[in-house]
Amino acid sequence: MKNAHGKWSNTLAVASLGIALAMPLPAGAEIYKWTDAEGNVHFSDEAPKGAKKLELKPLPVMNLPMPERHADLGKTAEELEKEKQGYSVLAVTKPAHDAKLDATDGQLSVTASLEPDLRKGHMLQVWVDGQKAGPADTATALSARDLQEGERKLKVVVLNAQGEPLQSSAEIRIFVQKPGTADRK
């Protein structure tokens, strides 16, 4: 921009210098400064007659760690917020609390109830005595495997896409017995 005397203002020169200094330069690049016959200041990587070489300090370099990849990438903000809220209902509906059960071949059918419906990427899994006791599934009809006789604590766990627990139902107590003995007591 020209000033009242028809000359370019130093504002443009300062802005140009700022831009030139902010731009990455190849190793060994040099910047020159000179003033022309009309008093305009110039900067360039080429040295015209009468130009002064600028001594520039190297810019600091920061090595930042790479950001972690998250399974949340690609999810909408609404989906992430719903995931944080959890499930308002998560319960074992079958078997009943304190049930005496025959576990044929150590297998047991388990039914879960949850609200809202299971979210995309989530799965359910039966845990017995604090350990995974069956395969993860998207269905609410599940199974527990390798059950041993005796008193057991059973719960249903919601897992995220990486298989990490997000939420658990309340534990129920069941009594696992040899087949045919559950109704005798």
C-alpha atoms as a PDB file:
ATOM      1  CA  MET A   1       0.000   0.000   0.000  1.00  0.00           C
ATOM      2  CA  LYS A   2       1.429   3.437  -0.904  1.00  0.00           C
ATOM      3  CA  ASN A   3       1.674   6.153   1.710  1.00  0.00           C
ATOM      4  CA  ALA A   4       0.817   9.840   1.222  1.00  0.00           C
ATOM      5  CA  HIS A   5       4.154  10.402  -0.590  1.00  0.00           C
ATOM      6  CA  GLY A   6       3.452   7.659  -3.164  1.00  0.00           C
ATOM      7  CA  LYS A   7       5.904   5.198  -1.559  1.00  0.00           C
ATOM      8  CA  TRP A   8       5.123   1.694  -0.412  1.00  0.00           C
ATOM      9  CA  SER A   9       4.717   1.502   3.340  1.00  0.00           C
ATOM     10  CA  ASN A  10       6.948  -0.578   5.562  1.00  0.00           C
ATOM     11  CA  THR A  11       3.901  -2.593   6.609  1.00  0.00           C
ATOM     12  CA  LEU A  12       4.112  -4.597   3.423  1.00  0.00           C
ATOM     13  CA  ALA A  13       7.835  -5.095   3.900  1.00  0.00           C
ATOM     14  CA  VAL A  14       7.409  -6.317   7.473  1.00  0.00           C
ATOM     15  CA  ALA A  15       4.600  -8.664   6.439  1.00  0.00           C
ATOM     16  CA  SER A  16       6.748 -10.025   3.612  1.00  0.00           C
ATOM     17  CA  LEU A  17       9.636 -10.625   6.004  1.00  0.00           C
ATOM     18  CA  GLY A  18       7.344 -12.429   8.412  1.00  0.00           C
ATOM     19  CA  ILE A  19       6.063 -14.684   5.673  1.00  0.00           C
ATOM     20  CA  ALA A  20       9.547 -15.324   4.323  1.00  0.00           C
ATOM     21  CA  LEU A  21      10.887 -16.201   7.760  1.00  0.00           C
ATOM     22  CA  ALA A  22       7.993 -18.502   8.555  1.00  0.00           C
ATOM     23  CA  MET A  23       8.424 -20.545   5.380  1.00  0.00           C
ATOM     24  CA  PRO A  24      10.669 -23.575   5.650  1.00  0.00           C
ATOM     25  CA  LEU A  25      13.904 -23.173   3.758  1.00  0.00           C
ATOM     26  CA  PRO A  26      16.085 -25.830   2.271  1.00  0.00           C
ATOM     27  CA  ALA A  27      19.325 -26.487   4.089  1.00  0.00           C
ATOM     28  CA  GLY A  28      21.859 -23.789   3.216  1.00  0.00           C
ATOM     29  CA  ALA A  29      19.213 -21.327   1.920  1.00  0.00           C
ATOM     30  CA  GLU A  30      20.030 -17.677   2.514  1.00  0.00           C
ATOM     31  CA  ILE A  31      17.851 -14.572   2.791  1.00  0.00           C
ATOM     32  CA  TYR A  32      18.977 -11.160   1.605  1.00  0.00           C
ATOM     33  CA  LYS A  33      17.604  -7.714   2.460  1.00  0.00           C
ATOM     34  CA  TRP A  34      18.049  -4.496   0.504  1.00  0.00           C
ATOM     35  CA  THR A  35      16.447  -1.118  -0.002  1.00  0.00           C
ATOM     36  CA  ASP A  36      15.812   0.122  -3.522  1.00  0.00           C
ATOM     37  CA  ALA A  37      16.309   3.691  -4.824  1.00  0.00           C
ATOM     38  CA  GLU A  38      12.746   4.612  -3.781  1.00  0.00           C
ATOM     39  CA  GLY A  39      13.278   3.466  -0.192  1.00  0.00           C
ATOM     40  CA  ASN A  40      11.331   0.201  -0.464  1.00  0.00           C
ATOM     41  CA  VAL A  41      12.714  -2.691   1.569  1.00  0.00           C
ATOM     42  CA  HIS A  42      12.958  -6.047  -0.195  1.00  0.00           C
ATOM     43  CA  PHE A  43      13.738  -9.627   0.866  1.00  0.00           C
ATOM     44  CA  SER A  44      14.836 -12.427  -1.442  1.00  0.00           C
ATOM     45  CA  ASP A  45      16.826 -15.631  -1.661  1.00  0.00           C
ATOM     46  CA  GLU A  46      18.813 -14.012  -4.500  1.00  0.00           C
ATOM     47  CA  ALA A  47      21.391 -11.336  -3.697  1.00  0.00           C
ATOM     48  CA  PRO A  48      21.208  -8.217  -5.889  1.00  0.00           C
ATOM     49  CA  LYS A  49      23.989  -5.655  -5.707  1.00  0.00           C
ATOM     50  CA  GLY A  50      24.134  -3.974  -2.270  1.00  0.00           C
ATOM     51  CA  ALA A  51      21.984  -6.613  -0.495  1.00  0.00           C
ATOM     52  CA  LYS A  52      22.854  -7.685   3.056  1.00  0.00           C
ATOM     53  CA  LYS A  53      22.747 -11.341   4.012  1.00  0.00           C
ATOM     54  CA  LEU A  54      20.478 -11.866   7.030  1.00  0.00           C
ATOM     55  CA  GLU A  55      21.803 -14.017   9.831  1.00  0.00           C
ATOM     56  CA  LEU A  56      18.816 -16.097  10.863  1.00  0.00           C
ATOM     57  CA  LYS A  57      18.729 -18.240  13.960  1.00  0.00           C
ATOM     58  CA  PRO A  58      17.557 -21.793  13.347  1.00  0.00           C
ATOM     59  CA  LEU A  59      13.948 -22.379  14.286  1.00  0.00           C
ATOM     60  CA  PRO A  60      13.365 -24.760  17.174  1.00  0.00           C
ATOM     61  CA  VAL A  61      12.200 -28.213  16.187  1.00  0.00           C
ATOM     62  CA  MET A  62       9.714 -30.103  18.299  1.00  0.00           C
ATOM     63  CA  ASN A  63       9.351 -33.847  17.941  1.00  0.00           C
ATOM     64  CA  LEU A  64       5.760 -34.566  18.883  1.00  0.00           C
ATOM     65  CA  PRO A  65       4.501 -38.084  19.535  1.00  0.00           C
ATOM     66  CA  MET A  66       2.186 -39.562  16.956  1.00  0.00           C
ATOM     67  CA  PRO A  67      -1.433 -39.471  18.097  1.00  0.00           C
ATOM     68  CA  GLU A  68      -2.904 -42.813  19.104  1.00  0.00           C
ATOM     69  CA  ARG A  69      -5.402 -44.378  16.786  1.00  0.00           C
ATOM     70  CA  HIS A  70      -8.759 -44.764  18.427  1.00  0.00           C
ATOM     71  CA  ALA A  71     -11.579 -47.074  17.551  1.00  0.00           C
ATOM     72  CA  ASP A  72     -13.802 -44.021  17.993  1.00  0.00           C
ATOM     73  CA  LEU A  73     -12.590 -42.573  14.678  1.00  0.00           C
ATOM     74  CA  GLY A  74     -15.430 -42.390  12.241  1.00  0.00           C
ATOM     75  CA  LYS A  75     -18.114 -42.267  14.932  1.00  0.00           C
ATOM     76  CA  THR A  76     -20.410 -39.300  15.154  1.00  0.00           C
ATOM     77  CA  ALA A  77     -20.418 -37.086  18.232  1.00  0.00           C
ATOM     78  CA  GLU A  78     -23.909 -38.394  18.998  1.00  0.00           C
ATOM     79  CA  GLU A  79     -22.705 -42.019  18.901  1.00  0.00           C
ATOM     80  CA  LEU A  80     -19.769 -41.220  21.199  1.00  0.00           C
ATOM     81  CA  GLU A  81     -22.053 -39.412  23.654  1.00  0.00           C
ATOM     82  CA  LYS A  82     -24.522 -42.330  23.730  1.00  0.00           C
ATOM     83  CA  GLU A  83     -21.638 -44.719  24.378  1.00  0.00           C
ATOM     84  CA  LYS A  84     -20.540 -42.643  27.373  1.00  0.00           C
ATOM     85  CA  GLN A  85     -24.070 -42.735  28.820  1.00  0.00           C
ATOM     86  CA  GLY A  86     -24.135 -46.521  28.969  1.00  0.00           C
ATOM     87  CA  TYR A  87     -27.271 -48.642  29.163  1.00  0.00           C
ATOM     88  CA  SER A  88     -30.111 -47.662  31.479  1.00  0.00           C
ATOM     89  CA  VAL A  89     -31.062 -51.338  31.887  1.00  0.00           C
ATOM     90  CA  LEU A  90     -28.601 -54.231  31.897  1.00  0.00           C
ATOM     91  CA  ALA A  91     -29.689 -57.335  33.772  1.00  0.00           C
ATOM     92  CA  VAL A  92     -29.578 -61.113  33.805  1.00  0.00           C
ATOM     93  CA  THR A  93     -33.191 -62.263  33.335  1.00  0.00           C
ATOM     94  CA  LYS A  94     -32.491 -66.003  33.129  1.00  0.00           C
ATOM     95  CA  PRO A  95     -31.515 -67.844  35.275  1.00  0.00           C
ATOM     96  CA  ALA A  96     -33.150 -66.307  38.334  1.00  0.00           C
ATOM     97  CA  HIS A  97     -31.165 -65.168  41.377  1.00  0.00           C
ATOM     98  CA  ASP A  98     -30.496 -68.093  43.798  1.00  0.00           C
ATOM     99  CA  ALA A  99     -31.557 -70.658  41.158  1.00  0.00           C
ATOM    100  CA  LYS A 100     -30.410 -74.248  41.581  1.00  0.00           C
ATOM    101  CA  LEU A 101     -29.383 -75.410  38.144  1.00  0.00           C
ATOM    102  CA  ASP A 102     -28.285 -78.512  36.323  1.00  0.00           C
ATOM    103  CA  ALA A 103     -25.389 -77.595  34.075  1.00  0.00           C
ATOM    104  CA  THR A 104     -25.245 -80.377  31.528  1.00  0.00           C
ATOM    105  CA  ASP A 105     -21.663 -80.726  30.332  1.00  0.00           C
ATOM    106  CA  GLY A 106     -20.871 -77.510  32.211  1.00  0.00           C
ATOM    107  CA  GLN A 107     -23.121 -75.507  29.838  1.00  0.00           C
ATOM    108  CA  LEU A 108     -25.760 -73.007  30.936  1.00  0.00           C
ATOM    109  CA  SER A 109     -28.162 -70.813  28.938  1.00  0.00           C
ATOM    110  CA  VAL A 110     -28.286 -67.171  30.041  1.00  0.00           C
ATOM    111  CA  THR A 111     -30.667 -64.427  28.914  1.00  0.00           C
ATOM    112  CA  ALA A 112     -29.901 -60.727  29.282  1.00  0.00           C
ATOM    113  CA  SER A 113     -32.117 -57.671  29.118  1.00  0.00           C
ATOM    114  CA  LEU A 114     -30.854 -54.228  28.140  1.00  0.00           C
ATOM    115  CA  GLU A 115     -32.112 -50.797  27.169  1.00  0.00           C
ATOM    116  CA  PRO A 116     -31.533 -49.163  24.818  1.00  0.00           C
ATOM    117  CA  ASP A 117     -30.787 -51.858  22.250  1.00  0.00           C
ATOM    118  CA  LEU A 118     -27.211 -53.017  21.908  1.00  0.00           C
ATOM    119  CA  ARG A 119     -25.200 -50.323  20.120  1.00  0.00           C
ATOM    120  CA  LYS A 120     -23.121 -50.824  16.995  1.00  0.00           C
ATOM    121  CA  GLY A 121     -19.749 -52.371  17.846  1.00  0.00           C
ATOM    122  CA  HIS A 122     -20.882 -53.612  21.277  1.00  0.00           C
ATOM    123  CA  MET A 123     -21.229 -57.242  22.310  1.00  0.00           C
ATOM    124  CA  LEU A 124     -22.493 -59.115  25.373  1.00  0.00           C
ATOM    125  CA  GLN A 125     -20.634 -61.792  27.291  1.00  0.00           C
ATOM    126  CA  VAL A 126     -21.373 -63.958  30.326  1.00  0.00           C
ATOM    127  CA  TRP A 127     -18.893 -63.779  33.203  1.00  0.00           C
ATOM    128  CA  VAL A 128     -18.856 -66.231  36.086  1.00  0.00           C
ATOM    129  CA  ASP A 129     -16.908 -65.570  39.272  1.00  0.00           C
ATOM    130  CA  GLY A 130     -15.230 -62.541  37.650  1.00  0.00           C
ATOM    131  CA  GLN A 131     -13.992 -64.479  34.597  1.00  0.00           C
ATOM    132  CA  LYS A 132     -15.185 -64.733  30.988  1.00  0.00           C
ATOM    133  CA  ALA A 133     -17.358 -67.836  30.781  1.00  0.00           C
ATOM    134  CA  GLY A 134     -18.637 -67.816  27.209  1.00  0.00           C
ATOM    135  CA  PRO A 135     -18.235 -66.287  23.777  1.00  0.00           C
ATOM    136  CA  ALA A 136     -19.138 -62.639  23.148  1.00  0.00           C
ATOM    137  CA  ASP A 137     -22.264 -62.183  21.040  1.00  0.00           C
ATOM    138  CA  THR A 138     -24.653 -59.506  19.819  1.00  0.00           C
ATOM    139  CA  ALA A 139     -27.673 -61.585  20.897  1.00  0.00           C
ATOM    140  CA  THR A 140     -29.265 -61.425  24.354  1.00  0.00           C
ATOM    141  CA  ALA A 141     -29.458 -65.246  24.486  1.00  0.00           C
ATOM    142  CA  LEU A 142     -26.013 -66.270  25.674  1.00  0.00           C
ATOM    143  CA  SER A 143     -24.238 -69.297  27.076  1.00  0.00           C
ATOM    144  CA  ALA A 144     -21.797 -69.985  29.854  1.00  0.00           C
ATOM    145  CA  ARG A 145     -19.342 -72.835  29.442  1.00  0.00           C
ATOM    146  CA  ASP A 146     -17.151 -74.986  31.648  1.00  0.00           C
ATOM    147  CA  LEU A 147     -19.177 -74.296  34.793  1.00  0.00           C
ATOM    148  CA  GLN A 148     -18.055 -76.130  37.903  1.00  0.00           C
ATOM    149  CA  GLU A 149     -20.405 -77.328  40.613  1.00  0.00           C
ATOM    150  CA  GLY A 150     -21.104 -75.068  43.542  1.00  0.00           C
ATOM    151  CA  GLU A 151     -22.167 -71.503  44.286  1.00  0.00           C
ATOM    152  CA  ARG A 152     -21.336 -69.132  41.434  1.00  0.00           C
ATOM    153  CA  LYS A 153     -21.656 -65.390  40.793  1.00  0.00           C
ATOM    154  CA  LEU A 154     -22.918 -64.657  37.279  1.00  0.00           C
ATOM    155  CA  LYS A 155     -23.211 -61.368  35.384  1.00  0.00           C
ATOM    156  CA  VAL A 156     -23.506 -60.079  31.811  1.00  0.00           C
ATOM    157  CA  VAL A 157     -20.879 -57.632  30.548  1.00  0.00           C
ATOM    158  CA  VAL A 158     -21.121 -55.170  27.623  1.00  0.00           C
ATOM    159  CA  LEU A 159     -17.891 -55.121  25.604  1.00  0.00           C
ATOM    160  CA  ASN A 160     -16.690 -52.473  23.143  1.00  0.00           C
ATOM    161  CA  ALA A 161     -15.305 -53.292  19.684  1.00  0.00           C
ATOM    162  CA  GLN A 162     -11.878 -54.077  21.213  1.00  0.00           C
ATOM    163  CA  GLY A 163     -13.382 -56.549  23.691  1.00  0.00           C
ATOM    164  CA  GLU A 164     -12.929 -54.209  26.651  1.00  0.00           C
ATOM    165  CA  PRO A 165     -15.650 -54.167  29.341  1.00  0.00           C
ATOM    166  CA  LEU A 166     -17.851 -51.057  29.285  1.00  0.00           C
ATOM    167  CA  GLN A 167     -20.641 -51.924  31.704  1.00  0.00           C
ATOM    168  CA  SER A 168     -21.762 -54.888  33.822  1.00  0.00           C
ATOM    169  CA  SER A 169     -25.078 -56.101  35.121  1.00  0.00           C
ATOM    170  CA  ALA A 170     -25.564 -56.756  38.816  1.00  0.00           C
ATOM    171  CA  GLU A 171     -24.279 -60.181  39.791  1.00  0.00           C
ATOM    172  CA  ILE A 172     -26.727 -62.936  40.559  1.00  0.00           C
ATOM    173  CA  ARG A 173     -25.988 -66.008  42.662  1.00  0.00           C
ATOM    174  CA  ILE A 174     -26.639 -69.433  41.196  1.00  0.00           C
ATOM    175  CA  PHE A 175     -26.011 -72.931  42.466  1.00  0.00           C
ATOM    176  CA  VAL A 176     -24.633 -75.287  39.828  1.00  0.00           C
ATOM    177  CA  GLN A 177     -25.309 -78.970  40.520  1.00  0.00           C
ATOM    178  CA  LYS A 178     -24.813 -82.286  38.810  1.00  0.00           C
ATOM    179  CA  PRO A 179     -27.545 -83.040  36.279  1.00  0.00           C
ATOM    180  CA  GLY A 180     -30.689 -84.417  37.931  1.00  0.00           C
ATOM    181  CA  THR A 181     -29.950 -83.094  41.453  1.00  0.00           C
ATOM    182  CA  ALA A 182     -31.232 -79.504  41.156  1.00  0.00           C
ATOM    183  CA  ASP A 183     -34.863 -80.363  42.016  1.00  0.00           C
ATOM    184  CA  ARG A 184     -34.098 -82.788  44.879  1.00  0.00           C
ATOM    185  CA  LYS A 185     -33.139 -80.248  47.548  1.00  0.00           C
END
